[in-house]
Amino acid sequence: MSLLPPRRHPETITRTGLAVTGVTLTTGALLFGLYQLARRRYDQRRDQLWDAAWAHLDNHRIR
């Protein structure tokens, strides 16, 4: 048995809205962080491939 009176409808709506907003922002921040980590890794790999391709072209002689 609770000593607190039940919440009124507007208070329930407000708390639900705040909870949904918090979950949405947290999920968005997590997904954005994962995107940034993946992008950094793919950019590093692309740079390595780019450097390797230029090094390969540098080894060829033009006649």
N, C-alpha and C. Protein backbone atom coordinates (compact mmCIF):
# COMPACT_ATOMS: atom_id res chain seq x y z
N MET A 1 0.85 -1.17 0.00
CA MET A 1 0.00 0.00 0.00
C MET A 1 0.90 1.24 0.00
N SER A 2 0.61 2.13 -0.87
CA SER A 2 1.40 3.35 -1.01
C SER A 2 0.78 4.48 -0.19
N LEU A 3 1.66 5.28 0.38
CA LEU A 3 1.19 6.44 1.14
C LEU A 3 0.99 7.65 0.24
N LEU A 4 1.49 7.55 -0.99
CA LEU A 4 1.34 8.66 -1.94
C LEU A 4 0.05 8.53 -2.72
N PRO A 5 -0.60 9.65 -3.00
CA PRO A 5 -1.80 9.58 -3.82
C PRO A 5 -1.43 9.24 -5.27
N PRO A 6 -2.35 8.66 -6.01
CA PRO A 6 -2.04 8.34 -7.40
C PRO A 6 -1.76 9.61 -8.21
N ARG A 7 -0.95 9.43 -9.24
CA ARG A 7 -0.63 10.58 -10.09
C ARG A 7 -1.84 10.98 -10.92
N ARG A 8 -1.88 12.26 -11.21
CA ARG A 8 -2.94 12.76 -12.09
C ARG A 8 -2.53 12.51 -13.53
N HIS A 9 -3.48 12.54 -14.42
CA HIS A 9 -3.24 12.24 -15.83
C HIS A 9 -2.18 13.15 -16.46
N PRO A 10 -2.23 14.47 -16.28
CA PRO A 10 -1.20 15.32 -16.89
C PRO A 10 0.21 14.99 -16.40
N GLU A 11 0.34 14.63 -15.12
CA GLU A 11 1.65 14.27 -14.58
C GLU A 11 2.15 12.97 -15.22
N THR A 12 1.24 12.02 -15.41
CA THR A 12 1.62 10.76 -16.06
C THR A 12 2.06 11.01 -17.49
N ILE A 13 1.34 11.85 -18.21
CA ILE A 13 1.70 12.17 -19.59
C ILE A 13 3.06 12.86 -19.64
N THR A 14 3.31 13.79 -18.73
CA THR A 14 4.59 14.50 -18.69
C THR A 14 5.74 13.54 -18.40
N ARG A 15 5.58 12.70 -17.41
CA ARG A 15 6.64 11.74 -17.06
C ARG A 15 6.90 10.76 -18.20
N THR A 16 5.84 10.32 -18.84
CA THR A 16 5.99 9.41 -19.98
C THR A 16 6.73 10.10 -21.12
N GLY A 17 6.36 11.33 -21.40
CA GLY A 17 7.04 12.09 -22.45
C GLY A 17 8.51 12.29 -22.15
N LEU A 18 8.84 12.60 -20.90
CA LEU A 18 10.25 12.77 -20.52
C LEU A 18 11.01 11.45 -20.63
N ALA A 19 10.37 10.35 -20.25
CA ALA A 19 11.03 9.05 -20.35
C ALA A 19 11.29 8.69 -21.81
N VAL A 20 10.31 8.92 -22.67
CA VAL A 20 10.49 8.63 -24.10
C VAL A 20 11.59 9.50 -24.68
N THR A 21 11.61 10.77 -24.31
CA THR A 21 12.66 11.67 -24.80
C THR A 21 14.04 11.21 -24.33
N GLY A 22 14.15 10.81 -23.08
CA GLY A 22 15.43 10.34 -22.55
C GLY A 22 15.91 9.08 -23.25
N VAL A 23 15.01 8.14 -23.45
CA VAL A 23 15.38 6.90 -24.13
C VAL A 23 15.78 7.19 -25.57
N THR A 24 15.05 8.06 -26.24
CA THR A 24 15.37 8.40 -27.63
C THR A 24 16.73 9.07 -27.73
N LEU A 25 17.02 10.02 -26.86
CA LEU A 25 18.31 10.70 -26.88
C LEU A 25 19.46 9.76 -26.55
N THR A 26 19.25 8.89 -25.57
CA THR A 26 20.29 7.93 -25.20
C THR A 26 20.57 6.95 -26.33
N THR A 27 19.52 6.43 -26.94
CA THR A 27 19.69 5.51 -28.06
C THR A 27 20.36 6.21 -29.23
N GLY A 28 19.95 7.43 -29.51
CA GLY A 28 20.57 8.19 -30.60
C GLY A 28 22.04 8.45 -30.35
N ALA A 29 22.38 8.80 -29.11
CA ALA A 29 23.79 9.05 -28.78
C ALA A 29 24.61 7.77 -28.92
N LEU A 30 24.06 6.65 -28.50
CA LEU A 30 24.76 5.37 -28.63
C LEU A 30 24.98 5.02 -30.10
N LEU A 31 23.94 5.14 -30.90
CA LEU A 31 24.08 4.83 -32.33
C LEU A 31 25.05 5.79 -33.02
N PHE A 32 25.01 7.06 -32.65
CA PHE A 32 25.94 8.02 -33.23
C PHE A 32 27.38 7.69 -32.85
N GLY A 33 27.60 7.28 -31.61
CA GLY A 33 28.94 6.89 -31.18
C GLY A 33 29.44 5.67 -31.94
N LEU A 34 28.58 4.68 -32.13
CA LEU A 34 28.97 3.51 -32.90
C LEU A 34 29.26 3.88 -34.35
N TYR A 35 28.47 4.78 -34.92
CA TYR A 35 28.72 5.25 -36.28
C TYR A 35 30.08 5.93 -36.38
N GLN A 36 30.40 6.77 -35.40
CA GLN A 36 31.68 7.46 -35.42
C GLN A 36 32.85 6.48 -35.32
N LEU A 37 32.73 5.46 -34.47
CA LEU A 37 33.78 4.46 -34.35
C LEU A 37 33.97 3.69 -35.66
N ALA A 38 32.85 3.29 -36.26
CA ALA A 38 32.93 2.55 -37.53
C ALA A 38 33.51 3.44 -38.62
N ARG A 39 33.07 4.68 -38.68
CA ARG A 39 33.57 5.58 -39.71
C ARG A 39 35.07 5.81 -39.56
N ARG A 40 35.55 5.99 -38.33
CA ARG A 40 36.98 6.18 -38.11
C ARG A 40 37.77 4.97 -38.59
N ARG A 41 37.25 3.77 -38.29
CA ARG A 41 37.94 2.54 -38.71
C ARG A 41 37.95 2.43 -40.23
N TYR A 42 36.82 2.69 -40.87
CA TYR A 42 36.77 2.60 -42.33
C TYR A 42 37.63 3.67 -42.99
N ASP A 43 37.68 4.86 -42.42
CA ASP A 43 38.55 5.91 -42.96
C ASP A 43 40.01 5.51 -42.86
N GLN A 44 40.40 4.91 -41.74
CA GLN A 44 41.79 4.46 -41.60
C GLN A 44 42.11 3.39 -42.64
N ARG A 45 41.20 2.46 -42.83
CA ARG A 45 41.42 1.39 -43.82
C ARG A 45 41.50 1.98 -45.23
N ARG A 46 40.62 2.92 -45.55
CA ARG A 46 40.65 3.54 -46.87
C ARG A 46 41.96 4.29 -47.09
N ASP A 47 42.45 4.98 -46.07
CA ASP A 47 43.73 5.68 -46.18
C ASP A 47 44.88 4.70 -46.40
N GLN A 48 44.84 3.55 -45.72
CA GLN A 48 45.88 2.54 -45.92
C GLN A 48 45.86 2.02 -47.36
N LEU A 49 44.67 1.75 -47.87
CA LEU A 49 44.56 1.27 -49.25
C LEU A 49 45.01 2.34 -50.24
N TRP A 50 44.68 3.59 -49.97
CA TRP A 50 45.08 4.70 -50.82
C TRP A 50 46.60 4.81 -50.86
N ASP A 51 47.23 4.77 -49.69
CA ASP A 51 48.69 4.85 -49.63
C ASP A 51 49.35 3.67 -50.33
N ALA A 52 48.78 2.48 -50.17
CA ALA A 52 49.34 1.30 -50.84
C ALA A 52 49.21 1.42 -52.35
N ALA A 53 48.10 1.95 -52.83
CA ALA A 53 47.92 2.12 -54.27
C ALA A 53 48.92 3.13 -54.83
N TRP A 54 49.13 4.22 -54.12
CA TRP A 54 50.11 5.21 -54.58
C TRP A 54 51.53 4.66 -54.53
N ALA A 55 51.83 3.87 -53.52
CA ALA A 55 53.16 3.26 -53.43
C ALA A 55 53.37 2.29 -54.58
N HIS A 56 52.32 1.57 -54.95
CA HIS A 56 52.41 0.63 -56.08
C HIS A 56 52.63 1.39 -57.38
N LEU A 57 51.95 2.50 -57.58
CA LEU A 57 52.14 3.29 -58.79
C LEU A 57 53.51 3.93 -58.82
N ASP A 58 54.05 4.28 -57.67
CA ASP A 58 55.36 4.92 -57.60
C ASP A 58 56.47 3.96 -58.02
N ASN A 59 56.25 2.66 -57.89
CA ASN A 59 57.26 1.67 -58.24
C ASN A 59 57.36 1.44 -59.75
N HIS A 60 56.37 1.85 -60.51
CA HIS A 60 56.39 1.66 -61.96
C HIS A 60 57.16 2.79 -62.63
N ARG A 61 57.88 2.44 -63.67
CA ARG A 61 58.62 3.45 -64.43
C ARG A 61 57.83 3.83 -65.67
N ILE A 62 57.88 5.08 -65.99
CA ILE A 62 57.26 5.55 -67.22
C ILE A 62 58.33 5.57 -68.29
N ARG A 63 58.08 4.92 -69.44
CA ARG A 63 59.08 4.84 -70.51
C ARG A 63 58.92 5.93 -71.51
